[in-house]
Protein backbone atom coordinates (compact mmCIF):
# COMPACT_ATOMS: atom_id res chain seq x y z
CA MET A 1 11.81 -0.79 -19.30
CA TYR A 2 11.31 -1.53 -15.58
CA ALA A 3 12.80 1.76 -14.36
CA ASN A 4 11.02 3.70 -17.09
CA ALA A 5 7.64 2.17 -16.21
CA LEU A 6 8.19 2.92 -12.53
CA GLN A 7 9.16 6.52 -13.24
CA GLN A 8 6.26 7.11 -15.62
CA GLY A 9 3.88 5.51 -13.14
CA ASP A 10 5.11 7.82 -10.37
CA GLU A 11 4.67 10.90 -12.55
CA LEU A 12 1.16 9.85 -13.59
CA LEU A 13 0.20 9.07 -10.00
CA LYS A 14 1.34 12.52 -8.85
CA ARG A 15 -0.84 14.07 -11.55
CA GLY A 16 -3.88 12.08 -10.41
CA LYS A 17 -3.92 9.88 -13.52
CA TYR A 18 -4.54 6.70 -11.56
CA LYS A 19 -5.64 4.37 -14.34
CA ALA A 20 -2.59 5.23 -16.47
CA SER A 21 -0.28 4.92 -13.45
CA ILE A 22 -1.70 1.47 -12.67
CA THR A 23 -0.90 0.37 -16.23
CA GLN A 24 2.72 1.53 -15.84
CA PHE A 25 3.14 -0.10 -12.44
CA GLN A 26 1.65 -3.34 -13.80
CA ARG A 27 4.33 -3.28 -16.53
CA ALA A 28 7.03 -2.82 -13.89
CA VAL A 29 5.64 -5.71 -11.81
CA LYS A 30 5.39 -7.92 -14.90
CA GLU A 31 9.06 -7.19 -15.63
CA ARG A 32 10.12 -7.77 -12.00
CA PRO A 33 7.40 -9.65 -10.08
CA ARG A 34 9.44 -9.63 -6.85
CA SER A 35 10.15 -5.89 -6.89
CA VAL A 36 8.86 -4.51 -3.60
CA PRO A 37 8.94 -0.86 -4.82
CA ALA A 38 6.89 -1.77 -7.91
CA LEU A 39 4.40 -3.82 -5.88
CA LEU A 40 4.01 -1.01 -3.33
CA ALA A 41 3.54 1.55 -6.10
CA LEU A 42 0.90 -0.62 -7.78
CA GLY A 43 -0.96 -1.13 -4.50
CA ASP A 44 -0.77 2.58 -3.73
CA ALA A 45 -2.12 3.47 -7.20
CA TYR A 46 -5.04 1.06 -6.73
CA LEU A 47 -5.82 2.70 -3.38
CA GLU A 48 -5.68 6.17 -4.94
CA ALA A 49 -8.03 4.92 -7.68
CA ASP A 50 -10.41 3.68 -4.93
CA LYS A 51 -9.83 0.03 -5.81
CA PRO A 52 -8.80 -1.42 -2.44
CA ARG A 53 -9.74 -4.97 -3.43
CA SER A 54 -7.21 -4.83 -6.29
CA ALA A 55 -4.60 -3.29 -3.97
CA VAL A 56 -4.55 -6.19 -1.51
CA GLN A 57 -2.71 -8.77 -3.64
CA PRO A 58 0.31 -6.64 -4.63
CA LEU A 59 0.55 -5.20 -1.12
CA GLU A 60 0.39 -8.63 0.55
CA THR A 61 3.08 -9.84 -1.85
CA ALA A 62 5.28 -6.83 -1.03
CA ALA A 63 4.79 -7.44 2.71
CA ARG A 64 5.78 -11.11 2.29
CA LEU A 65 8.87 -10.20 0.26
CA ASP A 66 9.95 -7.49 2.71
CA ALA A 67 8.71 -8.20 6.23
CA GLN A 68 10.41 -4.98 7.41
CA SER A 69 8.50 -2.69 5.04
CA ALA A 70 6.54 -0.24 7.15
CA ARG A 71 5.02 1.25 3.99
CA ALA A 72 3.61 -2.14 2.97
CA GLN A 73 1.93 -2.47 6.36
CA LEU A 74 0.54 1.07 6.25
CA LEU A 75 -0.92 0.60 2.77
CA LEU A 76 -2.26 -2.86 3.66
CA GLY A 77 -3.96 -1.42 6.72
CA THR A 78 -5.60 1.19 4.49
CA ALA A 79 -6.75 -1.43 1.98
CA TYR A 80 -8.12 -3.76 4.64
CA GLN A 81 -9.88 -0.91 6.43
CA SER A 82 -11.50 0.23 3.16
CA LEU A 83 -12.82 -3.30 2.68
CA GLY A 84 -14.20 -3.49 6.22
CA ARG A 85 -11.60 -6.11 7.22
CA ASN A 86 -10.97 -4.35 10.51
CA ALA A 87 -9.13 -7.15 12.33
CA ALA A 88 -6.64 -7.42 9.46
CA ALA A 89 -6.37 -3.61 9.32
CA VAL A 90 -5.58 -3.43 13.04
CA LYS A 91 -2.89 -6.09 12.66
CA ALA A 92 -1.27 -4.27 9.72
CA TYR A 93 -1.42 -0.87 11.44
CA GLN A 94 0.08 -2.32 14.63
CA ARG A 95 2.89 -3.85 12.59
CA TYR A 96 3.47 -0.45 10.98
CA LEU A 97 3.87 1.09 14.45
CA GLU A 98 6.35 -1.64 15.43
CA LEU A 99 8.41 -1.10 12.27
CA GLU A 100 8.31 2.68 12.29
CA PRO A 101 7.74 3.92 15.87
CA SER A 102 8.55 7.50 14.92
CA GLY A 103 7.09 7.38 11.42
CA GLU A 104 5.47 10.22 9.55
CA PHE A 105 1.96 8.76 9.94
CA ILE A 106 2.21 7.57 13.55
CA LYS A 107 -0.40 9.99 14.93
CA ASP A 108 -2.84 9.16 12.13
CA VAL A 109 -2.36 5.43 12.61
CA ARG A 110 -2.87 5.65 16.37
CA LEU A 111 -6.09 7.61 15.81
CA ILE A 112 -7.30 5.05 13.26
CA LEU A 113 -6.50 2.22 15.68
CA ALA A 114 -8.43 3.95 18.46
CA ASN A 115 -11.42 4.41 16.15
CA LEU A 116 -11.28 0.80 14.98
CA ALA A 117 -11.13 -0.41 18.59
CA HIS A 118 -14.27 1.54 19.42
CA SER A 119 -16.16 0.45 16.31
CA GLY A 120 -15.38 -3.23 16.53
């Protein structure tokens, strides 16, 4: 059930069916509440559905469970930034850079950090 829910959620997310993907990811998290991949997927789906407030809790949980997860920090930064929590966003983005210094989104994150520094 867990793996199936995760897979279905991923497929729905890729097709832009955010609400349905959230339902699947919630099932996966209910089955395995400490599953970092499921928590990250749920948080990501909430962000894609433009529900950053809902994304924070699963993403914070994922970050607590896996302190080395660069993806958790990147998604948390996005959620916090969307909510206007710029200090928390900066902290999460900086942690992302520490964890993944040559990551795929490094240029974007540095640009976001520069913009947040100038706006705050």
